[in-house]
Amino acid sequence: MQDSRDPDILAITTTVASRAEANQLGRAILQRRLAACVQIEEGLTSLYRWQGKECEDPEVRLTIKTLPSCREALQALFREQHPYDVPQFLAVMMQAGDDYHAWVRGEVRGAAGGGPDPV
């Protein structure tokens, strides 16, 4: 279990095809209080292999800042709402400053010291 004094932040990245999809997914994450912040970056080009073919597509990246305790709930949300069949879900632990960590902890539902559930 996460110690409320441990300054670890979980950063999760994913990509979608459009700004509209990014906004929709980001808002769903925030509404469920599964992250304190979702950053959206446009202007990416992804080169990848899918179903035996080489592909090149524009994408929009989301970087989700949350607590480690929200990982499973975010994966469940991706299964429900992510527009891709196989969504990118890359998670990296990061060390946050005390003030930033306290803010994240206060915004994420279900975490020790987390904010109230949405009405």
Protein backbone atom coordinates (compact mmCIF):
# COMPACT_ATOMS: atom_id res chain seq x y z
CA MET A 1 0.00 0.00 0.00
CA GLN A 2 1.18 3.52 -0.78
CA ASP A 3 2.54 5.48 2.19
CA SER A 4 0.98 8.96 2.07
CA ARG A 5 4.45 10.41 2.72
CA ASP A 6 6.00 8.57 -0.24
CA PRO A 7 6.40 11.11 -3.07
CA ASP A 8 5.81 8.60 -5.87
CA ILE A 9 3.63 9.64 -8.78
CA LEU A 10 2.54 7.23 -11.49
CA ALA A 11 2.71 8.73 -14.99
CA ILE A 12 0.77 6.81 -17.62
CA THR A 13 0.95 7.58 -21.31
CA THR A 14 -1.44 6.57 -24.04
CA THR A 15 -2.28 7.76 -27.53
CA VAL A 16 -5.48 8.30 -29.48
CA ALA A 17 -6.25 9.38 -33.03
CA SER A 18 -7.69 12.85 -32.42
CA ARG A 19 -7.93 15.80 -30.05
CA ALA A 20 -11.64 15.04 -29.55
CA GLU A 21 -10.86 11.48 -28.44
CA ALA A 22 -8.11 12.77 -26.15
CA ASN A 23 -10.46 15.29 -24.55
CA GLN A 24 -13.18 12.66 -24.08
CA LEU A 25 -10.82 10.14 -22.46
CA GLY A 26 -9.07 12.79 -20.34
CA ARG A 27 -12.37 14.15 -19.02
CA ALA A 28 -13.59 10.63 -18.15
CA ILE A 29 -10.40 10.06 -16.15
CA LEU A 30 -10.78 13.37 -14.28
CA GLN A 31 -14.51 12.88 -13.65
CA ARG A 32 -13.79 9.54 -11.97
CA ARG A 33 -11.05 11.25 -9.95
CA LEU A 34 -8.48 8.69 -11.19
CA ALA A 35 -5.86 11.37 -11.86
CA ALA A 36 -5.01 14.89 -10.80
CA CYS A 37 -3.92 15.98 -14.27
CA VAL A 38 -4.11 14.80 -17.86
CA GLN A 39 -1.83 16.55 -20.34
CA ILE A 40 -2.70 16.39 -24.03
CA GLU A 41 -0.02 16.77 -26.72
CA GLU A 42 -0.91 17.04 -30.39
CA GLY A 43 1.34 16.77 -33.42
CA LEU A 44 2.71 13.24 -33.10
CA THR A 45 3.25 10.83 -35.95
CA SER A 46 3.34 7.15 -35.08
CA LEU A 47 5.03 4.57 -37.26
CA TYR A 48 4.04 1.04 -36.29
CA ARG A 49 3.17 -2.41 -37.50
CA TRP A 50 -0.47 -3.48 -37.11
CA GLN A 51 -1.97 -6.75 -38.39
CA GLY A 52 1.05 -7.40 -40.59
CA LYS A 53 1.11 -3.96 -42.24
CA GLU A 54 3.35 -0.97 -41.71
CA CYS A 55 1.30 2.08 -40.73
CA GLU A 56 1.87 5.81 -40.28
CA ASP A 57 -0.77 7.85 -38.51
CA PRO A 58 -1.15 11.14 -36.64
CA GLU A 59 -1.79 10.67 -32.94
CA VAL A 60 -2.40 12.67 -29.79
CA ARG A 61 -0.58 11.69 -26.57
CA LEU A 62 -2.11 11.81 -23.11
CA THR A 63 0.10 11.88 -20.04
CA ILE A 64 -1.87 10.99 -16.94
CA LYS A 65 -0.51 11.94 -13.50
CA THR A 66 -1.91 9.80 -10.71
CA LEU A 67 -1.03 7.62 -7.73
CA PRO A 68 0.11 4.00 -8.02
CA SER A 69 -3.11 2.84 -6.32
CA CYS A 70 -5.13 3.97 -9.38
CA ARG A 71 -3.33 1.79 -11.94
CA GLU A 72 -5.90 -1.02 -12.03
CA ALA A 73 -8.88 1.35 -12.13
CA LEU A 74 -7.30 3.22 -15.06
CA GLN A 75 -6.72 -0.04 -16.92
CA ALA A 76 -10.40 -0.90 -16.39
CA LEU A 77 -11.43 2.53 -17.69
CA PHE A 78 -9.24 2.01 -20.77
CA ARG A 79 -10.98 -1.33 -21.43
CA GLU A 80 -14.35 0.48 -21.27
CA GLN A 81 -13.63 3.77 -23.02
CA HIS A 82 -10.34 3.81 -24.93
CA PRO A 83 -11.04 3.99 -28.69
CA TYR A 84 -8.22 1.59 -29.66
CA ASP A 85 -8.49 -2.21 -29.70
CA VAL A 86 -5.07 -2.45 -28.02
CA PRO A 87 -4.43 0.85 -26.24
CA GLN A 88 -0.97 1.94 -25.22
CA PHE A 89 -0.72 1.82 -21.42
CA LEU A 90 2.81 2.71 -20.38
CA ALA A 91 3.35 3.41 -16.69
CA VAL A 92 6.43 5.02 -15.15
CA MET A 93 7.02 5.76 -11.49
CA MET A 94 8.28 9.29 -10.88
CA GLN A 95 9.51 11.11 -7.80
CA ALA A 96 7.47 14.25 -7.12
CA GLY A 97 8.18 17.22 -4.93
CA ASP A 98 6.29 17.25 -1.64
CA ASP A 99 3.86 20.02 -2.63
CA TYR A 100 3.03 18.47 -6.01
CA HIS A 101 2.56 15.03 -4.46
CA ALA A 102 0.25 16.50 -1.82
CA TRP A 103 -1.82 18.15 -4.56
CA VAL A 104 -2.10 14.90 -6.55
CA ARG A 105 -2.99 12.95 -3.40
CA GLY A 106 -5.71 15.51 -2.62
CA GLU A 107 -7.26 15.30 -6.10
CA VAL A 108 -7.30 11.54 -6.61
CA ARG A 109 -10.32 9.68 -5.19
CA GLY A 110 -9.72 6.66 -3.00
CA ALA A 111 -6.13 7.55 -2.16
CA ALA A 112 -5.04 8.22 1.41
CA GLY A 113 -6.02 11.79 2.06
CA GLY A 114 -7.83 11.95 -1.28
CA GLY A 115 -10.54 14.42 -2.05
CA PRO A 116 -14.27 13.74 -1.79
CA ASP A 117 -16.13 11.57 -4.25
CA PRO A 118 -17.87 13.53 -7.01
CA VAL A 119 -21.58 14.08 -6.51
